[in-house]
Amino acid sequence: MLKSIDPLLNADVLYALRSMGHGDDLVLCDTNFPADAVARQTVLGRLLRIDNVTASRAARSILSVLPLDSFVDKPASRMEIVGQPNEIPPVQSEVQAEIDAAQGRSFPMASVERFAFYELAKRSYCVVQTGERRFYGCFIFKKGVIPPDAA
């Protein structure tokens, strides 16, 4: 155990989060996402897991240590519902609430069409699959920086 580190963040996930650089993307996905196949094409090259928790709970743990990129307009993205790109299902609302809480303000996500999301995911640093069973529980977080005086 480590102090002040969410216990959901296992050693493999912590290693990836620490290894990522500014501007690298992390995919947080549900159980229906083709996670293993996509993860093999990422920089890390293997799938990471935070099992048995919802997307929002996994997002909370990741965002407790991962700064979002302040140099881009929308450093967090969500997978759009096919045929209903403007609809926000509960799983996405819950993750949006975790993002807002971590940032201390409203921080809207970008929306990405499903197949475009898959392509972005393949170019990400890593994929973290959760135990989320609801559809469209898939997100991309772009890593930011921590100023020297905030570390």
C-alpha atoms as a PDB file:
ATOM      1  CA  MET A   1       0.000   0.000   0.000  1.00  0.00           C
ATOM      2  CA  LEU A   2       1.036   3.578  -0.638  1.00  0.00           C
ATOM      3  CA  LYS A   3      -0.133   6.724   1.095  1.00  0.00           C
ATOM      4  CA  SER A   4      -2.416   9.070  -0.820  1.00  0.00           C
ATOM      5  CA  ILE A   5      -2.597   6.730  -3.833  1.00  0.00           C
ATOM      6  CA  ASP A   6      -5.999   5.316  -4.738  1.00  0.00           C
ATOM      7  CA  PRO A   7      -5.768   1.532  -4.153  1.00  0.00           C
ATOM      8  CA  LEU A   8      -7.438   0.898  -7.528  1.00  0.00           C
ATOM      9  CA  LEU A   9      -4.250   2.124  -9.200  1.00  0.00           C
ATOM     10  CA  ASN A  10      -2.313  -1.114  -9.499  1.00  0.00           C
ATOM     11  CA  ALA A  11       1.417  -1.208 -10.260  1.00  0.00           C
ATOM     12  CA  ASP A  12       0.941  -1.652 -14.014  1.00  0.00           C
ATOM     13  CA  VAL A  13      -1.424   1.306 -14.291  1.00  0.00           C
ATOM     14  CA  LEU A  14       0.818   3.499 -12.114  1.00  0.00           C
ATOM     15  CA  TYR A  15       3.821   2.592 -14.268  1.00  0.00           C
ATOM     16  CA  ALA A  16       1.965   3.597 -17.439  1.00  0.00           C
ATOM     17  CA  LEU A  17       0.657   6.844 -15.937  1.00  0.00           C
ATOM     18  CA  ARG A  18       4.171   7.788 -14.815  1.00  0.00           C
ATOM     19  CA  SER A  19       5.713   6.794 -18.148  1.00  0.00           C
ATOM     20  CA  MET A  20       3.302   8.860 -20.218  1.00  0.00           C
ATOM     21  CA  GLY A  21       4.526  12.246 -21.356  1.00  0.00           C
ATOM     22  CA  HIS A  22       2.769  15.551 -21.968  1.00  0.00           C
ATOM     23  CA  GLY A  23       0.200  15.117 -24.721  1.00  0.00           C
ATOM     24  CA  ASP A  24       0.056  11.321 -24.540  1.00  0.00           C
ATOM     25  CA  ASP A  25      -3.427   9.791 -24.554  1.00  0.00           C
ATOM     26  CA  LEU A  26      -4.906   7.202 -22.203  1.00  0.00           C
ATOM     27  CA  VAL A  27      -7.995   5.256 -23.259  1.00  0.00           C
ATOM     28  CA  LEU A  28     -10.393   4.273 -20.486  1.00  0.00           C
ATOM     29  CA  CYS A  29     -12.848   1.723 -21.866  1.00  0.00           C
ATOM     30  CA  ASP A  30     -15.771  -0.497 -20.987  1.00  0.00           C
ATOM     31  CA  THR A  31     -15.946  -4.294 -21.191  1.00  0.00           C
ATOM     32  CA  ASN A  32     -17.410  -4.245 -24.723  1.00  0.00           C
ATOM     33  CA  PHE A  33     -14.514  -2.305 -26.276  1.00  0.00           C
ATOM     34  CA  PRO A  34     -12.030  -4.399 -28.336  1.00  0.00           C
ATOM     35  CA  ALA A  35      -9.464  -3.539 -25.688  1.00  0.00           C
ATOM     36  CA  ASP A  36      -6.862  -6.250 -26.173  1.00  0.00           C
ATOM     37  CA  ALA A  37      -6.705  -5.874 -29.958  1.00  0.00           C
ATOM     38  CA  VAL A  38      -6.470  -2.088 -29.731  1.00  0.00           C
ATOM     39  CA  ALA A  39      -4.002  -2.136 -26.821  1.00  0.00           C
ATOM     40  CA  ARG A  40      -1.553  -4.239 -28.843  1.00  0.00           C
ATOM     41  CA  GLN A  41      -1.274  -1.308 -31.285  1.00  0.00           C
ATOM     42  CA  THR A  42      -0.582   1.356 -28.641  1.00  0.00           C
ATOM     43  CA  VAL A  43       2.769   2.668 -27.428  1.00  0.00           C
ATOM     44  CA  LEU A  44       2.640   0.432 -24.339  1.00  0.00           C
ATOM     45  CA  GLY A  45       1.575  -2.539 -26.453  1.00  0.00           C
ATOM     46  CA  ARG A  46      -0.450  -4.409 -23.847  1.00  0.00           C
ATOM     47  CA  LEU A  47      -3.781  -4.096 -22.092  1.00  0.00           C
ATOM     48  CA  LEU A  48      -4.063  -2.656 -18.584  1.00  0.00           C
ATOM     49  CA  ARG A  49      -7.034  -3.367 -16.342  1.00  0.00           C
ATOM     50  CA  ILE A  50      -8.901  -1.862 -13.432  1.00  0.00           C
ATOM     51  CA  ASP A  51     -11.398  -4.672 -12.951  1.00  0.00           C
ATOM     52  CA  ASN A  52     -14.763  -4.785 -11.221  1.00  0.00           C
ATOM     53  CA  VAL A  53     -15.420  -1.039 -11.098  1.00  0.00           C
ATOM     54  CA  THR A  54     -17.459   1.412 -13.117  1.00  0.00           C
ATOM     55  CA  ALA A  55     -15.929   3.803 -15.614  1.00  0.00           C
ATOM     56  CA  SER A  56     -16.580   6.731 -13.281  1.00  0.00           C
ATOM     57  CA  ARG A  57     -14.809   5.068 -10.349  1.00  0.00           C
ATOM     58  CA  ALA A  58     -11.827   4.178 -12.531  1.00  0.00           C
ATOM     59  CA  ALA A  59     -11.776   7.735 -13.912  1.00  0.00           C
ATOM     60  CA  ARG A  60     -11.734   9.117 -10.367  1.00  0.00           C
ATOM     61  CA  SER A  61      -8.699   6.999  -9.491  1.00  0.00           C
ATOM     62  CA  ILE A  62      -6.803   7.909 -12.662  1.00  0.00           C
ATOM     63  CA  LEU A  63      -7.643  11.612 -12.445  1.00  0.00           C
ATOM     64  CA  SER A  64      -6.441  11.668  -8.831  1.00  0.00           C
ATOM     65  CA  VAL A  65      -2.885  11.528 -10.217  1.00  0.00           C
ATOM     66  CA  LEU A  66      -3.152  12.363 -13.943  1.00  0.00           C
ATOM     67  CA  PRO A  67      -3.290  16.045 -14.912  1.00  0.00           C
ATOM     68  CA  LEU A  68      -5.372  16.813 -17.999  1.00  0.00           C
ATOM     69  CA  ASP A  69      -3.712  18.856 -20.735  1.00  0.00           C
ATOM     70  CA  SER A  70      -4.421  22.581 -20.378  1.00  0.00           C
ATOM     71  CA  PHE A  71      -2.825  23.377 -23.759  1.00  0.00           C
ATOM     72  CA  VAL A  72      -5.742  21.933 -25.770  1.00  0.00           C
ATOM     73  CA  ASP A  73      -9.408  22.917 -25.777  1.00  0.00           C
ATOM     74  CA  LYS A  74     -10.802  19.511 -24.810  1.00  0.00           C
ATOM     75  CA  PRO A  75      -8.301  17.091 -23.264  1.00  0.00           C
ATOM     76  CA  ALA A  76     -11.029  14.543 -22.514  1.00  0.00           C
ATOM     77  CA  SER A  77     -13.183  12.827 -25.132  1.00  0.00           C
ATOM     78  CA  ARG A  78     -16.095  10.415 -25.136  1.00  0.00           C
ATOM     79  CA  MET A  79     -17.293   7.907 -27.713  1.00  0.00           C
ATOM     80  CA  GLU A  80     -20.473   9.121 -29.426  1.00  0.00           C
ATOM     81  CA  ILE A  81     -23.589   6.974 -29.474  1.00  0.00           C
ATOM     82  CA  VAL A  82     -24.072   5.664 -33.018  1.00  0.00           C
ATOM     83  CA  GLY A  83     -26.781   7.719 -34.721  1.00  0.00           C
ATOM     84  CA  GLN A  84     -27.216   9.980 -31.669  1.00  0.00           C
ATOM     85  CA  PRO A  85     -23.983  11.978 -31.334  1.00  0.00           C
ATOM     86  CA  ASN A  86     -25.461  14.590 -28.996  1.00  0.00           C
ATOM     87  CA  GLU A  87     -27.030  12.148 -26.524  1.00  0.00           C
ATOM     88  CA  ILE A  88     -25.143  11.751 -23.238  1.00  0.00           C
ATOM     89  CA  PRO A  89     -25.877   8.429 -21.503  1.00  0.00           C
ATOM     90  CA  PRO A  90     -25.606   8.149 -17.701  1.00  0.00           C
ATOM     91  CA  VAL A  91     -22.171   6.476 -17.834  1.00  0.00           C
ATOM     92  CA  GLN A  92     -20.795   9.506 -19.674  1.00  0.00           C
ATOM     93  CA  SER A  93     -22.517  11.974 -17.346  1.00  0.00           C
ATOM     94  CA  GLU A  94     -20.933  10.195 -14.384  1.00  0.00           C
ATOM     95  CA  VAL A  95     -17.441  10.396 -15.894  1.00  0.00           C
ATOM     96  CA  GLN A  96     -18.054  14.046 -16.800  1.00  0.00           C
ATOM     97  CA  ALA A  97     -18.814  14.692 -13.120  1.00  0.00           C
ATOM     98  CA  GLU A  98     -15.502  13.043 -12.127  1.00  0.00           C
ATOM     99  CA  ILE A  99     -13.604  15.175 -14.652  1.00  0.00           C
ATOM    100  CA  ASP A 100     -15.277  18.338 -13.375  1.00  0.00           C
ATOM    101  CA  ALA A 101     -14.482  17.384  -9.768  1.00  0.00           C
ATOM    102  CA  ALA A 102     -10.829  16.664 -10.581  1.00  0.00           C
ATOM    103  CA  GLN A 103     -10.465  19.941 -12.482  1.00  0.00           C
ATOM    104  CA  GLY A 104     -12.423  21.992  -9.958  1.00  0.00           C
ATOM    105  CA  ARG A 105     -14.654  23.433 -12.680  1.00  0.00           C
ATOM    106  CA  SER A 106     -16.806  22.499 -15.653  1.00  0.00           C
ATOM    107  CA  PHE A 107     -14.540  20.828 -18.201  1.00  0.00           C
ATOM    108  CA  PRO A 108     -16.696  19.538 -21.126  1.00  0.00           C
ATOM    109  CA  MET A 109     -15.571  16.507 -23.097  1.00  0.00           C
ATOM    110  CA  ALA A 110     -15.227  16.372 -26.870  1.00  0.00           C
ATOM    111  CA  SER A 111     -17.327  13.785 -28.660  1.00  0.00           C
ATOM    112  CA  VAL A 112     -15.768  11.380 -31.151  1.00  0.00           C
ATOM    113  CA  GLU A 113     -17.561   9.164 -33.681  1.00  0.00           C
ATOM    114  CA  ARG A 114     -17.204   5.461 -32.854  1.00  0.00           C
ATOM    115  CA  PHE A 115     -14.819   4.402 -35.644  1.00  0.00           C
ATOM    116  CA  ALA A 116     -12.773   7.591 -35.330  1.00  0.00           C
ATOM    117  CA  PHE A 117     -12.515   6.780 -31.603  1.00  0.00           C
ATOM    118  CA  TYR A 118     -11.083   3.336 -32.444  1.00  0.00           C
ATOM    119  CA  GLU A 119      -8.435   4.950 -34.653  1.00  0.00           C
ATOM    120  CA  LEU A 120      -7.481   7.482 -31.970  1.00  0.00           C
ATOM    121  CA  ALA A 121      -7.315   4.666 -29.429  1.00  0.00           C
ATOM    122  CA  LYS A 122      -4.823   2.732 -31.563  1.00  0.00           C
ATOM    123  CA  ARG A 123      -2.509   5.767 -31.497  1.00  0.00           C
ATOM    124  CA  SER A 124      -2.796   6.243 -27.735  1.00  0.00           C
ATOM    125  CA  TYR A 125      -0.149   5.517 -25.130  1.00  0.00           C
ATOM    126  CA  CYS A 126      -2.221   2.854 -23.379  1.00  0.00           C
ATOM    127  CA  VAL A 127      -5.649   1.299 -22.904  1.00  0.00           C
ATOM    128  CA  VAL A 128      -7.143   0.700 -19.452  1.00  0.00           C
ATOM    129  CA  GLN A 129     -10.191  -1.558 -19.446  1.00  0.00           C
ATOM    130  CA  THR A 130     -12.659  -1.256 -16.571  1.00  0.00           C
ATOM    131  CA  GLY A 131     -15.477  -3.475 -15.367  1.00  0.00           C
ATOM    132  CA  GLU A 132     -18.023  -1.040 -16.841  1.00  0.00           C
ATOM    133  CA  ARG A 133     -20.815  -3.034 -18.512  1.00  0.00           C
ATOM    134  CA  ARG A 134     -22.921  -0.160 -19.821  1.00  0.00           C
ATOM    135  CA  PHE A 135     -22.522   0.768 -23.477  1.00  0.00           C
ATOM    136  CA  TYR A 136     -20.422   3.793 -24.497  1.00  0.00           C
ATOM    137  CA  GLY A 137     -18.295   3.834 -21.359  1.00  0.00           C
ATOM    138  CA  CYS A 138     -15.247   4.743 -23.442  1.00  0.00           C
ATOM    139  CA  PHE A 139     -13.088   7.842 -22.972  1.00  0.00           C
ATOM    140  CA  ILE A 140      -9.733   9.331 -23.915  1.00  0.00           C
ATOM    141  CA  PHE A 141      -7.722  11.507 -21.501  1.00  0.00           C
ATOM    142  CA  LYS A 142      -4.785  13.608 -22.747  1.00  0.00           C
ATOM    143  CA  LYS A 143      -2.019  13.955 -20.163  1.00  0.00           C
ATOM    144  CA  GLY A 144      -1.035  17.447 -19.134  1.00  0.00           C
ATOM    145  CA  VAL A 145       1.800  18.828 -17.054  1.00  0.00           C
ATOM    146  CA  ILE A 146       2.357  19.654 -13.400  1.00  0.00           C
ATOM    147  CA  PRO A 147       4.110  22.994 -12.819  1.00  0.00           C
ATOM    148  CA  PRO A 148       7.301  22.826 -10.704  1.00  0.00           C
ATOM    149  CA  ASP A 149       5.690  24.681  -7.798  1.00  0.00           C
ATOM    150  CA  ALA A 150       2.696  22.294  -7.706  1.00  0.00           C
ATOM    151  CA  ALA A 151       4.604  19.014  -7.402  1.00  0.00           C
END
